[in-house]
Protein backbone atom coordinates (compact mmCIF):
# COMPACT_ATOMS: atom_id res chain seq x y z
CA MET A 1 123.83 76.86 -100.29
CA GLN A 2 125.85 78.87 -97.57
CA THR A 3 127.20 77.80 -94.02
CA ALA A 4 128.40 80.05 -91.21
CA ARG A 5 131.95 79.25 -90.04
CA GLY A 6 133.54 81.58 -87.55
CA GLY A 7 131.31 84.42 -88.56
CA VAL A 8 131.91 84.14 -92.41
CA THR A 9 129.46 82.93 -94.77
CA GLN A 10 130.91 80.67 -97.17
CA MET A 11 129.40 79.39 -100.40
CA MET A 12 129.38 75.65 -100.84
CA PRO A 13 130.19 74.17 -104.14
CA THR A 14 127.10 73.84 -106.48
CA GLY A 15 128.75 71.82 -109.14
CA SER A 16 128.35 74.58 -111.67
CA ASN A 17 131.36 76.81 -113.07
CA GLU A 18 128.62 79.28 -114.54
CA ALA A 19 127.98 81.05 -110.99
CA ASN A 20 131.90 81.10 -110.46
CA ARG A 21 132.41 82.73 -113.89
CA THR A 22 129.71 85.29 -113.33
CA ILE A 23 131.07 86.03 -109.85
CA LEU A 24 134.61 86.30 -111.37
CA SER A 25 133.43 88.51 -114.09
CA GLU A 26 131.68 91.04 -111.75
CA LEU A 27 134.86 91.07 -109.28
CA VAL A 28 136.92 91.87 -112.58
CA SER A 29 134.46 94.58 -113.60
CA LEU A 30 134.68 96.16 -110.23
CA ILE A 31 138.78 96.02 -110.41
CA ASN A 32 138.51 97.77 -113.78
CA GLN A 33 136.27 100.42 -112.58
CA VAL A 34 138.51 101.13 -109.41
CA ARG A 35 141.53 101.32 -111.73
CA LYS A 36 139.86 103.74 -113.78
CA SER A 37 138.90 105.95 -110.84
CA LEU A 38 142.58 105.68 -109.57
CA GLY A 39 143.39 106.93 -112.85
CA VAL A 40 141.37 109.90 -112.82
CA ILE A 41 142.24 110.78 -109.22
CA GLY A 42 146.20 110.49 -110.01
CA SER A 43 145.53 112.71 -112.79
CA GLU A 44 143.60 115.31 -110.73
CA ILE A 45 146.28 114.89 -107.90
CA ALA A 46 149.16 115.68 -110.52
CA ARG A 47 147.11 118.59 -111.88
CA GLU A 48 146.84 120.36 -108.50
CA ALA A 49 150.37 119.86 -108.04
CA LYS A 50 151.36 121.86 -111.03
CA PRO A 51 151.03 125.68 -110.40
CA GLU A 52 148.65 127.22 -112.83
CA ASP A 53 150.70 130.32 -113.46
CA ALA A 54 154.03 130.95 -111.72
CA SER A 55 153.81 134.70 -112.02
CA THR A 56 150.66 135.01 -109.77
CA ASP A 57 152.48 135.08 -106.57
CA GLU A 58 149.75 137.10 -104.79
CA ILE A 59 146.76 134.35 -105.34
CA PHE A 60 146.39 132.03 -102.46
CA VAL A 61 144.20 129.08 -103.07
CA LEU A 62 142.16 128.18 -99.75
CA ASP A 63 140.50 125.10 -100.91
CA ASP A 64 143.14 122.62 -101.46
CA VAL A 65 141.43 119.29 -102.54
CA THR A 66 144.68 117.37 -102.77
CA PRO A 67 144.31 115.74 -99.22
CA GLY A 68 140.77 114.53 -100.15
CA TYR A 69 142.07 113.01 -103.42
CA ALA A 70 145.03 111.43 -101.62
CA ARG A 71 142.68 109.72 -99.02
CA SER A 72 140.43 108.52 -101.91
CA TYR A 73 143.30 107.33 -103.71
CA ALA A 74 144.69 105.24 -100.74
CA ILE A 75 141.05 103.80 -100.05
CA LEU A 76 140.63 102.89 -103.59
CA ARG A 77 143.93 101.35 -104.02
CA GLU A 78 143.10 99.03 -100.97
CA CYS A 79 139.75 98.21 -102.54
CA GLU A 80 141.59 97.08 -105.58
CA VAL A 81 144.18 95.00 -103.65
CA ARG A 82 141.26 93.40 -101.58
CA LEU A 83 139.28 92.68 -104.86
CA SER A 84 142.13 91.22 -106.45
CA THR A 85 142.43 89.00 -103.39
CA ALA A 86 138.83 87.82 -103.76
CA VAL A 87 139.58 86.84 -107.39
CA ARG A 88 142.60 84.70 -106.20
CA LEU A 89 140.75 83.26 -103.40
CA MET A 90 137.73 82.17 -105.79
CA GLN A 91 140.44 80.84 -108.16
CA ASP A 92 141.74 78.65 -105.40
CA SER A 93 138.40 77.46 -104.18
CA THR A 94 137.17 76.41 -107.85
CA THR A 95 138.05 73.90 -110.39
CA ALA A 96 138.43 76.68 -113.10
CA GLY A 97 142.14 76.44 -113.00
CA GLY A 98 144.00 79.46 -114.07
CA GLU A 99 140.86 81.15 -115.35
CA ALA A 100 140.45 83.78 -112.72
CA CYS A 101 144.24 84.92 -113.17
CA ASP A 102 143.45 85.05 -116.89
CA ILE A 103 140.38 87.07 -116.45
CA LEU A 104 142.45 89.38 -113.89
CA ALA A 105 145.30 89.99 -116.42
CA THR A 106 143.37 90.65 -119.46
CA GLY A 107 140.40 92.60 -117.75
CA ARG A 108 137.79 90.62 -119.73
CA SER A 109 135.31 88.40 -118.58
CA PRO A 110 135.02 84.87 -119.88
CA SER A 111 132.07 85.81 -122.16
CA ALA A 112 134.17 88.52 -123.78
CA ARG A 113 136.74 86.07 -125.25
CA THR A 114 136.47 85.12 -128.64
CA SER A 115 137.60 81.81 -129.90
CA SER A 116 140.77 81.56 -132.26
């Protein structure tokens, strides 16, 4: 059930931790994908920063894509921070204890864990 408070839709507790685990798992998957994309963009920025051949002083590159990469990197970094905040907020609002932090730290969903 949802209620609107101050323009924000809030989920009401349903008594089931399964829904919370599913949501946490999805959030962690998104965080992992964002982190992967950050790595790819970071690598491209580093590659663009290195001159291909120092002896080609007469060649000018007119299509510098680094500013676009830098903006994309900054936006994805903000997404990562906000998604991590969402995981922490879910942890605070559930009775799952430290499960959300464990999921965030390991990058694995509860169903991906193996029993010891």
